[in-house]
PDB file of N, CA and C in Angstrom:
ATOM      1  N   MET A   1      -7.635 -12.701 -14.331  1.00  0.00           N
ATOM      2  CA  MET A   1      -7.557 -12.265 -12.472  1.00  0.00           C
ATOM      3  C   MET A   1      -6.430 -11.605 -11.198  1.00  0.00           C
ATOM      4  N   ALA A   2      -6.570 -11.593 -10.455  1.00  0.00           N
ATOM      5  CA  ALA A   2      -5.686 -10.618  -9.432  1.00  0.00           C
ATOM      6  C   ALA A   2      -4.493 -12.051  -8.935  1.00  0.00           C
ATOM      7  N   GLN A   3      -3.516 -11.920  -9.067  1.00  0.00           N
ATOM      8  CA  GLN A   3      -2.394 -12.098  -8.410  1.00  0.00           C
ATOM      9  C   GLN A   3      -1.944 -12.088  -7.282  1.00  0.00           C
ATOM     10  N   SER A   4      -1.202 -12.512  -6.295  1.00  0.00           N
ATOM     11  CA  SER A   4      -1.413 -11.751  -4.394  1.00  0.00           C
ATOM     12  C   SER A   4       0.411 -12.577  -4.047  1.00  0.00           C
ATOM     13  N   SER A   5       0.700 -12.934  -3.664  1.00  0.00           N
ATOM     14  CA  SER A   5       1.729 -13.716  -3.115  1.00  0.00           C
ATOM     15  C   SER A   5       2.479 -12.582  -1.593  1.00  0.00           C
ATOM     16  N   ALA A   6       2.670 -13.001  -0.745  1.00  0.00           N
ATOM     17  CA  ALA A   6       2.701 -12.611   0.840  1.00  0.00           C
ATOM     18  C   ALA A   6       4.228 -12.509   1.041  1.00  0.00           C
ATOM     19  N   ASN A   7       5.255 -11.818   1.432  1.00  0.00           N
ATOM     20  CA  ASN A   7       6.419 -12.183   2.134  1.00  0.00           C
ATOM     21  C   ASN A   7       7.087 -11.932   3.598  1.00  0.00           C
ATOM     22  N   ILE A   8       7.226 -12.085   4.735  1.00  0.00           N
ATOM     23  CA  ILE A   8       7.741 -11.314   5.504  1.00  0.00           C
ATOM     24  C   ILE A   8       9.600 -11.176   5.369  1.00  0.00           C
ATOM     25  N   GLU A   9       8.851  -9.038   5.473  1.00  0.00           N
ATOM     26  CA  GLU A   9      10.538  -8.985   5.243  1.00  0.00           C
ATOM     27  C   GLU A   9      11.200  -8.395   6.680  1.00  0.00           C
ATOM     28  N   GLU A  10      12.985  -8.016   6.880  1.00  0.00           N
ATOM     29  CA  GLU A  10      13.385  -8.277   8.629  1.00  0.00           C
ATOM     30  C   GLU A  10      12.713  -6.119   8.479  1.00  0.00           C
ATOM     31  N   ASN A  11      12.075  -6.231   9.571  1.00  0.00           N
ATOM     32  CA  ASN A  11      11.526  -5.306  10.295  1.00  0.00           C
ATOM     33  C   ASN A  11      12.860  -4.047  10.150  1.00  0.00           C
ATOM     34  N   SER A  12      12.399  -2.702  10.093  1.00  0.00           N
ATOM     35  CA  SER A  12      13.278  -2.084  10.604  1.00  0.00           C
ATOM     36  C   SER A  12      11.891  -0.370  10.915  1.00  0.00           C
ATOM     37  N   ASP A  13      13.167   0.407  11.617  1.00  0.00           N
ATOM     38  CA  ASP A  13      12.082   0.561  12.196  1.00  0.00           C
ATOM     39  C   ASP A  13      11.344   1.843  11.307  1.00  0.00           C
ATOM     40  N   PHE A  14       9.925   2.142  10.939  1.00  0.00           N
ATOM     41  CA  PHE A  14       9.305   2.343   9.589  1.00  0.00           C
ATOM     42  C   PHE A  14       8.329   3.692   9.888  1.00  0.00           C
ATOM     43  N   GLN A  15       8.559   3.209  11.245  1.00  0.00           N
ATOM     44  CA  GLN A  15       7.849   4.641  11.452  1.00  0.00           C
ATOM     45  C   GLN A  15       7.759   5.779  10.889  1.00  0.00           C
ATOM     46  N   GLN A  16       8.441   6.860  10.605  1.00  0.00           N
ATOM     47  CA  GLN A  16       8.500   7.601   9.536  1.00  0.00           C
ATOM     48  C   GLN A  16       9.285   7.768   8.863  1.00  0.00           C
ATOM     49  N   ILE A  17       9.380   6.756   7.819  1.00  0.00           N
ATOM     50  CA  ILE A  17      10.002   7.447   6.506  1.00  0.00           C
ATOM     51  C   ILE A  17       8.915   6.039   5.628  1.00  0.00           C
ATOM     52  N   ALA A  18       9.642   6.359   4.533  1.00  0.00           N
ATOM     53  CA  ALA A  18       8.169   5.296   3.349  1.00  0.00           C
ATOM     54  C   ALA A  18       9.270   4.517   3.339  1.00  0.00           C
ATOM     55  N   LEU A  19       8.123   3.237   2.632  1.00  0.00           N
ATOM     56  CA  LEU A  19       9.351   2.022   2.587  1.00  0.00           C
ATOM     57  C   LEU A  19       9.506   2.177   1.321  1.00  0.00           C
ATOM     58  N   PRO A  20      10.812   1.639   0.892  1.00  0.00           N
ATOM     59  CA  PRO A  20      11.674   1.254  -0.252  1.00  0.00           C
ATOM     60  C   PRO A  20      10.596   0.243  -0.901  1.00  0.00           C
ATOM     61  N   LEU A  21      10.518   0.931  -2.015  1.00  0.00           N
ATOM     62  CA  LEU A  21       9.763  -0.126  -3.130  1.00  0.00           C
ATOM     63  C   LEU A  21      11.080  -0.639  -4.192  1.00  0.00           C
ATOM     64  N   ASP A  22      11.106  -2.101  -4.940  1.00  0.00           N
ATOM     65  CA  ASP A  22      12.017  -2.375  -5.125  1.00  0.00           C
ATOM     66  C   ASP A  22      11.658  -1.989  -6.682  1.00  0.00           C
ATOM     67  N   LEU A  23      11.711  -0.709  -7.675  1.00  0.00           N
ATOM     68  CA  LEU A  23      10.829  -0.325  -8.673  1.00  0.00           C
ATOM     69  C   LEU A  23      12.082  -0.975  -9.830  1.00  0.00           C
ATOM     70  N   ALA A  24      11.564  -1.122 -10.900  1.00  0.00           N
ATOM     71  CA  ALA A  24      11.789  -1.488 -12.174  1.00  0.00           C
ATOM     72  C   ALA A  24      12.146  -0.218 -12.716  1.00  0.00           C
ATOM     73  N   THR A  25      12.967  -0.853 -13.988  1.00  0.00           N
ATOM     74  CA  THR A  25      13.069   0.159 -15.073  1.00  0.00           C
ATOM     75  C   THR A  25      11.398   0.744 -15.546  1.00  0.00           C
ATOM     76  N   GLY A  26      11.471   1.709 -15.735  1.00  0.00           N
ATOM     77  CA  GLY A  26       9.513   2.795 -16.130  1.00  0.00           C
ATOM     78  C   GLY A  26       8.905   2.060 -15.806  1.00  0.00           C
ATOM     79  N   GLU A  27       8.735   2.119 -14.094  1.00  0.00           N
ATOM     80  CA  GLU A  27       7.803   2.053 -12.891  1.00  0.00           C
ATOM     81  C   GLU A  27       7.929   3.488 -12.065  1.00  0.00           C
ATOM     82  N   HIS A  28       7.134   3.331 -11.855  1.00  0.00           N
ATOM     83  CA  HIS A  28       6.473   4.922 -10.566  1.00  0.00           C
ATOM     84  C   HIS A  28       5.676   4.523  -9.649  1.00  0.00           C
ATOM     85  N   VAL A  29       5.534   5.313  -8.349  1.00  0.00           N
ATOM     86  CA  VAL A  29       4.293   5.356  -7.828  1.00  0.00           C
ATOM     87  C   VAL A  29       3.565   6.750  -8.228  1.00  0.00           C
ATOM     88  N   LEU A  30       2.387   6.133  -8.660  1.00  0.00           N
ATOM     89  CA  LEU A  30       1.421   6.972  -9.025  1.00  0.00           C
ATOM     90  C   LEU A  30       0.821   7.724  -7.813  1.00  0.00           C
ATOM     91  N   GLN A  31       0.275   6.574  -6.906  1.00  0.00           N
ATOM     92  CA  GLN A  31      -0.626   6.814  -5.341  1.00  0.00           C
ATOM     93  C   GLN A  31      -0.217   6.368  -4.349  1.00  0.00           C
ATOM     94  N   ARG A  32       0.397   6.437  -3.171  1.00  0.00           N
ATOM     95  CA  ARG A  32       1.014   6.132  -1.734  1.00  0.00           C
ATOM     96  C   ARG A  32      -0.045   6.666  -1.050  1.00  0.00           C
ATOM     97  N   ILE A  33      -0.127   5.982   0.204  1.00  0.00           N
ATOM     98  CA  ILE A  33      -0.850   5.872   1.666  1.00  0.00           C
ATOM     99  C   ILE A  33      -0.708   5.880   2.439  1.00  0.00           C
ATOM    100  N   ARG A  34      -0.424   6.061   4.058  1.00  0.00           N
ATOM    101  CA  ARG A  34       0.172   5.723   5.377  1.00  0.00           C
ATOM    102  C   ARG A  34      -1.243   5.432   6.147  1.00  0.00           C
ATOM    103  N   LEU A  35      -1.700   4.616   6.687  1.00  0.00           N
ATOM    104  CA  LEU A  35      -2.565   4.604   7.853  1.00  0.00           C
ATOM    105  C   LEU A  35      -1.973   3.807   8.835  1.00  0.00           C
ATOM    106  N   GLU A  36      -2.407   4.331  10.035  1.00  0.00           N
ATOM    107  CA  GLU A  36      -1.829   4.337  11.195  1.00  0.00           C
ATOM    108  C   GLU A  36      -3.159   3.785  12.515  1.00  0.00           C
ATOM    109  N   ALA A  37      -2.724   2.938  13.300  1.00  0.00           N
ATOM    110  CA  ALA A  37      -3.636   2.306  14.083  1.00  0.00           C
ATOM    111  C   ALA A  37      -3.639   2.858  15.338  1.00  0.00           C
ATOM    112  N   GLU A  38      -4.530   3.250  15.663  1.00  0.00           N
ATOM    113  CA  GLU A  38      -4.165   3.508  17.890  1.00  0.00           C
ATOM    114  C   GLU A  38      -4.624   2.298  18.554  1.00  0.00           C
ATOM    115  N   SER A  39      -3.615   1.773  18.598  1.00  0.00           N
ATOM    116  CA  SER A  39      -3.572   0.461  19.213  1.00  0.00           C
ATOM    117  C   SER A  39      -2.076   0.061  19.698  1.00  0.00           C
ATOM    118  N   GLU A  40      -2.495  -1.093  20.852  1.00  0.00           N
ATOM    119  CA  GLU A  40      -1.023  -1.367  21.583  1.00  0.00           C
ATOM    120  C   GLU A  40       0.006  -2.276  20.415  1.00  0.00           C
ATOM    121  N   LEU A  41       0.039  -2.671  19.228  1.00  0.00           N
ATOM    122  CA  LEU A  41       0.738  -2.832  18.859  1.00  0.00           C
ATOM    123  C   LEU A  41       1.341  -1.420  17.447  1.00  0.00           C
ATOM    124  N   SER A  42       0.757  -0.269  17.593  1.00  0.00           N
ATOM    125  CA  SER A  42       1.300   0.806  16.817  1.00  0.00           C
ATOM    126  C   SER A  42       1.132   0.621  15.499  1.00  0.00           C
ATOM    127  N   ALA A  43      -0.215  -0.410  14.931  1.00  0.00           N
ATOM    128  CA  ALA A  43       0.266  -1.198  13.172  1.00  0.00           C
ATOM    129  C   ALA A  43      -0.103  -0.102  12.890  1.00  0.00           C
ATOM    130  N   TRP A  44       0.849  -0.227  11.480  1.00  0.00           N
ATOM    131  CA  TRP A  44       0.869   0.629  10.443  1.00  0.00           C
ATOM    132  C   TRP A  44       0.620  -0.232   8.486  1.00  0.00           C
ATOM    133  N   TYR A  45       0.037   0.544   7.849  1.00  0.00           N
ATOM    134  CA  TYR A  45      -0.099   0.626   6.569  1.00  0.00           C
ATOM    135  C   TYR A  45      -0.113   0.668   5.357  1.00  0.00           C
ATOM    136  N   GLU A  46       0.673   0.654   4.652  1.00  0.00           N
ATOM    137  CA  GLU A  46       1.371   0.887   3.447  1.00  0.00           C
ATOM    138  C   GLU A  46       0.654  -0.015   2.223  1.00  0.00           C
ATOM    139  N   LEU A  47       0.439   1.771   1.438  1.00  0.00           N
ATOM    140  CA  LEU A  47      -0.765   1.142   0.125  1.00  0.00           C
ATOM    141  C   LEU A  47      -0.147   1.839  -1.247  1.00  0.00           C
ATOM    142  N   TYR A  48       0.352   1.339  -2.297  1.00  0.00           N
ATOM    143  CA  TYR A  48       0.702   1.604  -3.467  1.00  0.00           C
ATOM    144  C   TYR A  48       0.552   1.400  -4.322  1.00  0.00           C
ATOM    145  N   LEU A  49       0.299   2.495  -5.094  1.00  0.00           N
ATOM    146  CA  LEU A  49      -0.217   2.498  -6.683  1.00  0.00           C
ATOM    147  C   LEU A  49       0.848   2.536  -7.858  1.00  0.00           C
ATOM    148  N   VAL A  50       1.769   1.739  -8.014  1.00  0.00           N
ATOM    149  CA  VAL A  50       3.061   1.304  -9.043  1.00  0.00           C
ATOM    150  C   VAL A  50       2.108   1.306 -10.720  1.00  0.00           C
ATOM    151  N   VAL A  51       3.098   2.076 -11.859  1.00  0.00           N
ATOM    152  CA  VAL A  51       2.976   1.684 -12.589  1.00  0.00           C
ATOM    153  C   VAL A  51       4.104   0.902 -13.209  1.00  0.00           C
ATOM    154  N   THR A  52       3.358   0.083 -14.877  1.00  0.00           N
ATOM    155  CA  THR A  52       4.525  -0.658 -14.753  1.00  0.00           C
ATOM    156  C   THR A  52       4.554  -0.754 -16.414  1.00  0.00           C
ATOM    157  N   PRO A  53       5.457  -1.363 -17.264  1.00  0.00           N
ATOM    158  CA  PRO A  53       5.043  -1.135 -18.631  1.00  0.00           C
ATOM    159  C   PRO A  53       4.555  -1.720 -19.337  1.00  0.00           C
ATOM    160  N   ASN A  54       3.668  -2.751 -18.294  1.00  0.00           N
ATOM    161  CA  ASN A  54       3.212  -3.627 -18.291  1.00  0.00           C
ATOM    162  C   ASN A  54       1.285  -3.752 -17.999  1.00  0.00           C
ATOM    163  N   GLY A  55       0.925  -2.862 -17.153  1.00  0.00           N
ATOM    164  CA  GLY A  55       0.186  -2.934 -16.138  1.00  0.00           C
ATOM    165  C   GLY A  55       0.545  -1.652 -14.731  1.00  0.00           C
ATOM    166  N   PHE A  56      -0.728  -2.021 -13.976  1.00  0.00           N
ATOM    167  CA  PHE A  56      -0.127  -1.840 -12.553  1.00  0.00           C
ATOM    168  C   PHE A  56      -0.621  -2.298 -11.750  1.00  0.00           C
ATOM    169  N   LEU A  57       0.664  -2.407 -10.753  1.00  0.00           N
ATOM    170  CA  LEU A  57       0.968  -3.001  -9.245  1.00  0.00           C
ATOM    171  C   LEU A  57       0.533  -2.097  -8.346  1.00  0.00           C
ATOM    172  N   ILE A  58      -0.426  -3.365  -7.247  1.00  0.00           N
ATOM    173  CA  ILE A  58      -1.404  -2.255  -6.049  1.00  0.00           C
ATOM    174  C   ILE A  58      -0.416  -3.409  -4.985  1.00  0.00           C
ATOM    175  N   GLU A  59       0.432  -2.713  -4.551  1.00  0.00           N
ATOM    176  CA  GLU A  59       1.667  -2.780  -3.040  1.00  0.00           C
ATOM    177  C   GLU A  59       1.187  -3.050  -1.939  1.00  0.00           C
ATOM    178  N   LYS A  60       0.925  -4.150  -0.991  1.00  0.00           N
ATOM    179  CA  LYS A  60       0.588  -3.850   0.431  1.00  0.00           C
ATOM    180  C   LYS A  60       1.410  -3.693   1.241  1.00  0.00           C
ATOM    181  N   HIS A  61       2.273  -3.060   1.992  1.00  0.00           N
ATOM    182  CA  HIS A  61       2.842  -3.335   3.496  1.00  0.00           C
ATOM    183  C   HIS A  61       2.496  -2.515   5.038  1.00  0.00           C
ATOM    184  N   SER A  62       2.523  -3.808   5.628  1.00  0.00           N
ATOM    185  CA  SER A  62       1.648  -3.907   6.563  1.00  0.00           C
ATOM    186  C   SER A  62       2.803  -4.600   7.561  1.00  0.00           C
ATOM    187  N   GLY A  63       2.357  -3.625   9.270  1.00  0.00           N
ATOM    188  CA  GLY A  63       3.265  -4.360   9.847  1.00  0.00           C
ATOM    189  C   GLY A  63       3.055  -3.710  11.183  1.00  0.00           C
ATOM    190  N   SER A  64       3.876  -3.527  12.308  1.00  0.00           N
ATOM    191  CA  SER A  64       3.857  -3.181  13.853  1.00  0.00           C
ATOM    192  C   SER A  64       5.153  -2.522  14.310  1.00  0.00           C
ATOM    193  N   SER A  65       4.442  -1.847  15.232  1.00  0.00           N
ATOM    194  CA  SER A  65       6.021  -1.482  15.429  1.00  0.00           C
ATOM    195  C   SER A  65       7.323  -2.206  15.770  1.00  0.00           C
ATOM    196  N   ARG A  66       6.246  -3.123  16.835  1.00  0.00           N
ATOM    197  CA  ARG A  66       7.428  -3.544  17.317  1.00  0.00           C
ATOM    198  C   ARG A  66       6.898  -5.294  17.361  1.00  0.00           C
ATOM    199  N   GLY A  67       6.509  -5.590  15.930  1.00  0.00           N
ATOM    200  CA  GLY A  67       6.224  -6.985  15.258  1.00  0.00           C
ATOM    201  C   GLY A  67       7.713  -7.108  14.485  1.00  0.00           C
ATOM    202  N   PRO A  68       8.013  -8.901  14.537  1.00  0.00           N
ATOM    203  CA  PRO A  68       9.459  -9.335  13.621  1.00  0.00           C
ATOM    204  C   PRO A  68       9.422  -8.929  12.398  1.00  0.00           C
ATOM    205  N   GLY A  69       8.501  -8.308  11.009  1.00  0.00           N
ATOM    206  CA  GLY A  69       8.449  -8.346  10.147  1.00  0.00           C
ATOM    207  C   GLY A  69       7.590  -7.318   9.600  1.00  0.00           C
ATOM    208  N   ARG A  70       7.588  -7.202   8.491  1.00  0.00           N
ATOM    209  CA  ARG A  70       6.266  -6.602   7.476  1.00  0.00           C
ATOM    210  C   ARG A  70       5.740  -7.457   6.739  1.00  0.00           C
ATOM    211  N   LEU A  71       4.824  -7.412   6.744  1.00  0.00           N
ATOM    212  CA  LEU A  71       4.097  -8.182   5.243  1.00  0.00           C
ATOM    213  C   LEU A  71       3.493  -7.479   4.241  1.00  0.00           C
ATOM    214  N   LYS A  72       4.423  -8.527   3.199  1.00  0.00           N
ATOM    215  CA  LYS A  72       3.837  -7.610   1.460  1.00  0.00           C
ATOM    216  C   LYS A  72       2.820  -8.939   0.970  1.00  0.00           C
ATOM    217  N   GLU A  73       1.930  -7.666   0.364  1.00  0.00           N
ATOM    218  CA  GLU A  73       1.450  -8.572  -1.135  1.00  0.00           C
ATOM    219  C   GLU A  73       1.270  -7.252  -2.318  1.00  0.00           C
ATOM    220  N   THR A  74       0.818  -8.222  -3.431  1.00  0.00           N
ATOM    221  CA  THR A  74       1.134  -7.521  -4.601  1.00  0.00           C
ATOM    222  C   THR A  74      -0.175  -8.045  -5.421  1.00  0.00           C
ATOM    223  N   TRP A  75      -1.109  -7.764  -6.218  1.00  0.00           N
ATOM    224  CA  TRP A  75      -2.086  -7.104  -7.010  1.00  0.00           C
ATOM    225  C   TRP A  75      -1.739  -6.969  -8.253  1.00  0.00           C
ATOM    226  N   PHE A  76      -1.819  -7.791  -9.005  1.00  0.00           N
ATOM    227  CA  PHE A  76      -1.756  -6.442 -10.557  1.00  0.00           C
ATOM    228  C   PHE A  76      -3.165  -6.604 -11.287  1.00  0.00           C
ATOM    229  N   ARG A  77      -3.244  -4.900 -11.956  1.00  0.00           N
ATOM    230  CA  ARG A  77      -4.064  -5.271 -12.941  1.00  0.00           C
ATOM    231  C   ARG A  77      -3.571  -4.572 -14.714  1.00  0.00           C
ATOM    232  N   ARG A  78      -4.838  -4.875 -15.379  1.00  0.00           N
ATOM    233  CA  ARG A  78      -3.395  -4.251 -16.775  1.00  0.00           C
ATOM    234  C   ARG A  78      -4.163  -2.974 -17.043  1.00  0.00           C
ATOM    235  N   SER A  79      -4.966  -2.540 -16.386  1.00  0.00           N
ATOM    236  CA  SER A  79      -5.793  -1.269 -16.920  1.00  0.00           C
ATOM    237  C   SER A  79      -5.856  -0.283 -16.012  1.00  0.00           C
ATOM    238  N   LEU A  80      -5.919   1.298 -16.017  1.00  0.00           N
ATOM    239  CA  LEU A  80      -5.721   2.106 -14.617  1.00  0.00           C
ATOM    240  C   LEU A  80      -6.591   1.807 -13.829  1.00  0.00           C
ATOM    241  N   PRO A  81      -8.302   2.338 -14.478  1.00  0.00           N
ATOM    242  CA  PRO A  81      -8.963   1.767 -13.249  1.00  0.00           C
ATOM    243  C   PRO A  81      -9.211   1.155 -13.334  1.00  0.00           C
ATOM    244  N   GLU A  82      -9.624  -0.327 -13.202  1.00  0.00           N
ATOM    245  CA  GLU A  82      -8.957  -1.792 -12.440  1.00  0.00           C
ATOM    246  C   GLU A  82      -8.554  -1.423 -11.480  1.00  0.00           C
ATOM    247  N   ALA A  83      -7.163  -0.631 -11.493  1.00  0.00           N
ATOM    248  CA  ALA A  83      -6.257  -1.435 -10.601  1.00  0.00           C
ATOM    249  C   ALA A  83      -6.512  -0.055  -9.398  1.00  0.00           C
ATOM    250  N   LYS A  84      -7.375   1.289  -9.963  1.00  0.00           N
ATOM    251  CA  LYS A  84      -8.032   2.444  -8.855  1.00  0.00           C
ATOM    252  C   LYS A  84      -9.145   1.304  -7.851  1.00  0.00           C
ATOM    253  N   ARG A  85      -9.429   0.426  -9.104  1.00  0.00           N
ATOM    254  CA  ARG A  85     -10.448  -0.193  -8.604  1.00  0.00           C
ATOM    255  C   ARG A  85     -10.162  -0.688  -7.196  1.00  0.00           C
ATOM    256  N   LYS A  86      -9.476  -1.468  -7.861  1.00  0.00           N
ATOM    257  CA  LYS A  86      -8.550  -2.135  -6.184  1.00  0.00           C
ATOM    258  C   LYS A  86      -7.962  -1.781  -5.283  1.00  0.00           C
ATOM    259  N   TYR A  87      -7.260  -0.180  -5.410  1.00  0.00           N
ATOM    260  CA  TYR A  87      -6.668  -0.255  -4.662  1.00  0.00           C
ATOM    261  C   TYR A  87      -7.615   0.316  -3.711  1.00  0.00           C
ATOM    262  N   SER A  88      -9.132   1.511  -3.832  1.00  0.00           N
ATOM    263  CA  SER A  88      -9.692   1.614  -3.118  1.00  0.00           C
ATOM    264  C   SER A  88     -10.420   1.198  -2.328  1.00  0.00           C
ATOM    265  N   GLN A  89     -10.636   0.234  -3.801  1.00  0.00           N
ATOM    266  CA  GLN A  89     -11.484  -1.351  -2.445  1.00  0.00           C
ATOM    267  C   GLN A  89     -11.028  -1.152  -1.235  1.00  0.00           C
ATOM    268  N   ILE A  90      -8.956  -1.661  -1.533  1.00  0.00           N
ATOM    269  CA  ILE A  90      -8.274  -2.331   0.172  1.00  0.00           C
ATOM    270  C   ILE A  90      -8.399  -0.554   1.115  1.00  0.00           C
ATOM    271  N   LEU A  91      -8.699   0.094   0.239  1.00  0.00           N
ATOM    272  CA  LEU A  91      -8.776   1.278   1.634  1.00  0.00           C
ATOM    273  C   LEU A  91      -9.937   2.021   2.092  1.00  0.00           C
ATOM    274  N   SER A  92     -10.638   1.790   1.416  1.00  0.00           N
ATOM    275  CA  SER A  92     -12.258   1.560   1.985  1.00  0.00           C
ATOM    276  C   SER A  92     -12.546   0.434   3.030  1.00  0.00           C
ATOM    277  N   ILE A  93     -11.592  -0.300   2.876  1.00  0.00           N
ATOM    278  CA  ILE A  93     -11.927  -1.450   4.383  1.00  0.00           C
ATOM    279  C   ILE A  93     -11.184  -1.662   5.187  1.00  0.00           C
ATOM    280  N   LYS A  94     -10.139  -0.805   5.110  1.00  0.00           N
ATOM    281  CA  LYS A  94      -9.244  -0.472   6.173  1.00  0.00           C
ATOM    282  C   LYS A  94      -9.528   0.823   7.162  1.00  0.00           C
ATOM    283  N   LEU A  95     -10.443   1.553   5.816  1.00  0.00           N
ATOM    284  CA  LEU A  95     -10.588   3.239   6.156  1.00  0.00           C
ATOM    285  C   LEU A  95     -12.325   3.135   7.086  1.00  0.00           C
ATOM    286  N   ASN A  96     -13.275   1.816   7.838  1.00  0.00           N
ATOM    287  CA  ASN A  96     -14.620   1.664   7.958  1.00  0.00           C
ATOM    288  C   ASN A  96     -14.221   1.921   8.641  1.00  0.00           C
ATOM    289  N   ASN A  97     -14.795   2.865   9.198  1.00  0.00           N
ATOM    290  CA  ASN A  97     -14.663   2.849  11.770  1.00  0.00           C
ATOM    291  C   ASN A  97     -15.810   1.621  12.155  1.00  0.00           C
ATOM    292  N   LYS A  98     -17.131   1.147  10.682  1.00  0.00           N
ATOM    293  CA  LYS A  98     -17.516   0.268  11.599  1.00  0.00           C
ATOM    294  C   LYS A  98     -17.046  -1.132  11.125  1.00  0.00           C
ATOM    295  N   ARG A  99     -16.004  -1.198  10.616  1.00  0.00           N
ATOM    296  CA  ARG A  99     -15.478  -3.157  10.377  1.00  0.00           C
ATOM    297  C   ARG A  99     -14.905  -3.783  12.196  1.00  0.00           C
ATOM    298  N   ARG A 100     -15.479  -4.790  12.437  1.00  0.00           N
ATOM    299  CA  ARG A 100     -15.061  -5.606  12.885  1.00  0.00           C
ATOM    300  C   ARG A 100     -14.055  -5.216  13.823  1.00  0.00           C
ATOM    301  N   SER A 101     -12.304  -5.326  13.229  1.00  0.00           N
ATOM    302  CA  SER A 101     -11.227  -5.242  13.667  1.00  0.00           C
ATOM    303  C   SER A 101     -10.888  -4.346  14.582  1.00  0.00           C
ATOM    304  N   PRO A 102     -10.475  -4.288  15.646  1.00  0.00           N
ATOM    305  CA  PRO A 102     -10.449  -3.376  16.600  1.00  0.00           C
ATOM    306  C   PRO A 102      -9.299  -2.121  16.488  1.00  0.00           C
ATOM    307  N   ARG A 103      -8.298  -2.283  15.152  1.00  0.00           N
ATOM    308  CA  ARG A 103      -7.870  -1.224  14.637  1.00  0.00           C
ATOM    309  C   ARG A 103      -8.689  -0.874  13.509  1.00  0.00           C
ATOM    310  N   LYS A 104      -8.582   0.540  14.445  1.00  0.00           N
ATOM    311  CA  LYS A 104      -9.231   2.130  13.480  1.00  0.00           C
ATOM    312  C   LYS A 104      -8.026   2.166  13.302  1.00  0.00           C
ATOM    313  N   TYR A 105      -7.881   2.416  11.901  1.00  0.00           N
ATOM    314  CA  TYR A 105      -7.379   2.886  10.536  1.00  0.00           C
ATOM    315  C   TYR A 105      -7.226   4.675  10.309  1.00  0.00           C
ATOM    316  N   LYS A 106      -6.622   5.188  11.171  1.00  0.00           N
ATOM    317  CA  LYS A 106      -6.314   6.698  10.305  1.00  0.00           C
ATOM    318  C   LYS A 106      -4.890   7.524   8.862  1.00  0.00           C
ATOM    319  N   VAL A 107      -5.449   8.068   8.037  1.00  0.00           N
ATOM    320  CA  VAL A 107      -4.220   8.618   6.844  1.00  0.00           C
ATOM    321  C   VAL A 107      -3.602   8.780   7.532  1.00  0.00           C
ATOM    322  N   VAL A 108      -1.724   9.523   7.248  1.00  0.00           N
ATOM    323  CA  VAL A 108      -1.115  10.343   8.338  1.00  0.00           C
ATOM    324  C   VAL A 108      -0.465  10.436   7.121  1.00  0.00           C
ATOM    325  N   ASN A 109      -0.775   9.617   5.677  1.00  0.00           N
ATOM    326  CA  ASN A 109      -0.038  10.411   4.990  1.00  0.00           C
ATOM    327  C   ASN A 109      -0.132  10.063   3.183  1.00  0.00           C
ATOM    328  N   TYR A 110      -0.249  10.465   2.464  1.00  0.00           N
ATOM    329  CA  TYR A 110      -1.471  10.782   1.134  1.00  0.00           C
ATOM    330  C   TYR A 110      -0.343  11.375   0.604  1.00  0.00           C
ATOM    331  N   GLU A 111       0.249  11.067  -0.569  1.00  0.00           N
ATOM    332  CA  GLU A 111       0.753  11.309  -1.718  1.00  0.00           C
ATOM    333  C   GLU A 111       0.241  10.969  -2.928  1.00  0.00           C
ATOM    334  N   ASN A 112      -0.127  11.986  -4.257  1.00  0.00           N
ATOM    335  CA  ASN A 112      -0.948  11.385  -5.705  1.00  0.00           C
ATOM    336  C   ASN A 112      -0.240  12.329  -6.206  1.00  0.00           C
ATOM    337  N   GLN A 113       0.531  11.360  -7.329  1.00  0.00           N
ATOM    338  CA  GLN A 113       1.401  11.623  -8.280  1.00  0.00           C
ATOM    339  C   GLN A 113       0.749  12.193  -9.004  1.00  0.00           C
ATOM    340  N   SER A 114       1.327  13.366 -10.490  1.00  0.00           N
ATOM    341  CA  SER A 114       0.368  13.906 -11.616  1.00  0.00           C
ATOM    342  C   SER A 114      -0.281  12.798 -12.685  1.00  0.00           C
ATOM    343  N   GLN A 115      -1.594  11.618 -12.939  1.00  0.00           N
ATOM    344  CA  GLN A 115      -1.498  11.032 -14.208  1.00  0.00           C
ATOM    345  C   GLN A 115      -0.961  11.564 -16.035  1.00  0.00           C
ATOM    346  N   GLN A 116      -0.544  12.743 -15.951  1.00  0.00           N
ATOM    347  CA  GLN A 116       0.616  13.325 -16.489  1.00  0.00           C
ATOM    348  C   GLN A 116       1.681  13.078 -16.812  1.00  0.00           C
ATOM    349  N   LYS A 117       1.822  12.390 -16.035  1.00  0.00           N
ATOM    350  CA  LYS A 117       3.550  11.699 -15.975  1.00  0.00           C
ATOM    351  C   LYS A 117       3.161  10.545 -16.493  1.00  0.00           C
ATOM    352  N   LEU A 118       1.919   9.452 -16.335  1.00  0.00           N
ATOM    353  CA  LEU A 118       2.030   8.821 -16.845  1.00  0.00           C
ATOM    354  C   LEU A 118       1.718   8.524 -18.294  1.00  0.00           C
ATOM    355  N   PHE A 119       1.438   9.920 -18.555  1.00  0.00           N
ATOM    356  CA  PHE A 119       1.673   9.335 -20.307  1.00  0.00           C
ATOM    357  C   PHE A 119       2.237  10.677 -20.877  1.00  0.00           C
ATOM    358  N   GLY A 120       2.962  11.657 -19.468  1.00  0.00           N
ATOM    359  CA  GLY A 120       3.716  12.871 -20.418  1.00  0.00           C
ATOM    360  C   GLY A 120       5.665  12.458 -20.507  1.00  0.00           C
TER     361      GLY A 120
END
């Protein structure tokens, strides 16, 4: 099953930079996307798909430019298809223009590493 943890970390100006990930040996980012909302608090949301020696992590960082910190959540999946499914599920919820939240997110940065890096 999914494991989830939430941490509040001190906020710096994350507006124009990629958030630092604490990657261990053998881990690398397979996909990364940054979403921003046109909202009073300039909400932002970053999602990472990270390859680990034992599986895959889906790591979410979110917050706002005026907020005191950022929220971090992590989900673990053993297989790439399961990890991609969770990653896509989270994105589809955030990018749904008909969602109830007044915050409507738009993609501002997207990176997709080659799958060859996984096995080669």
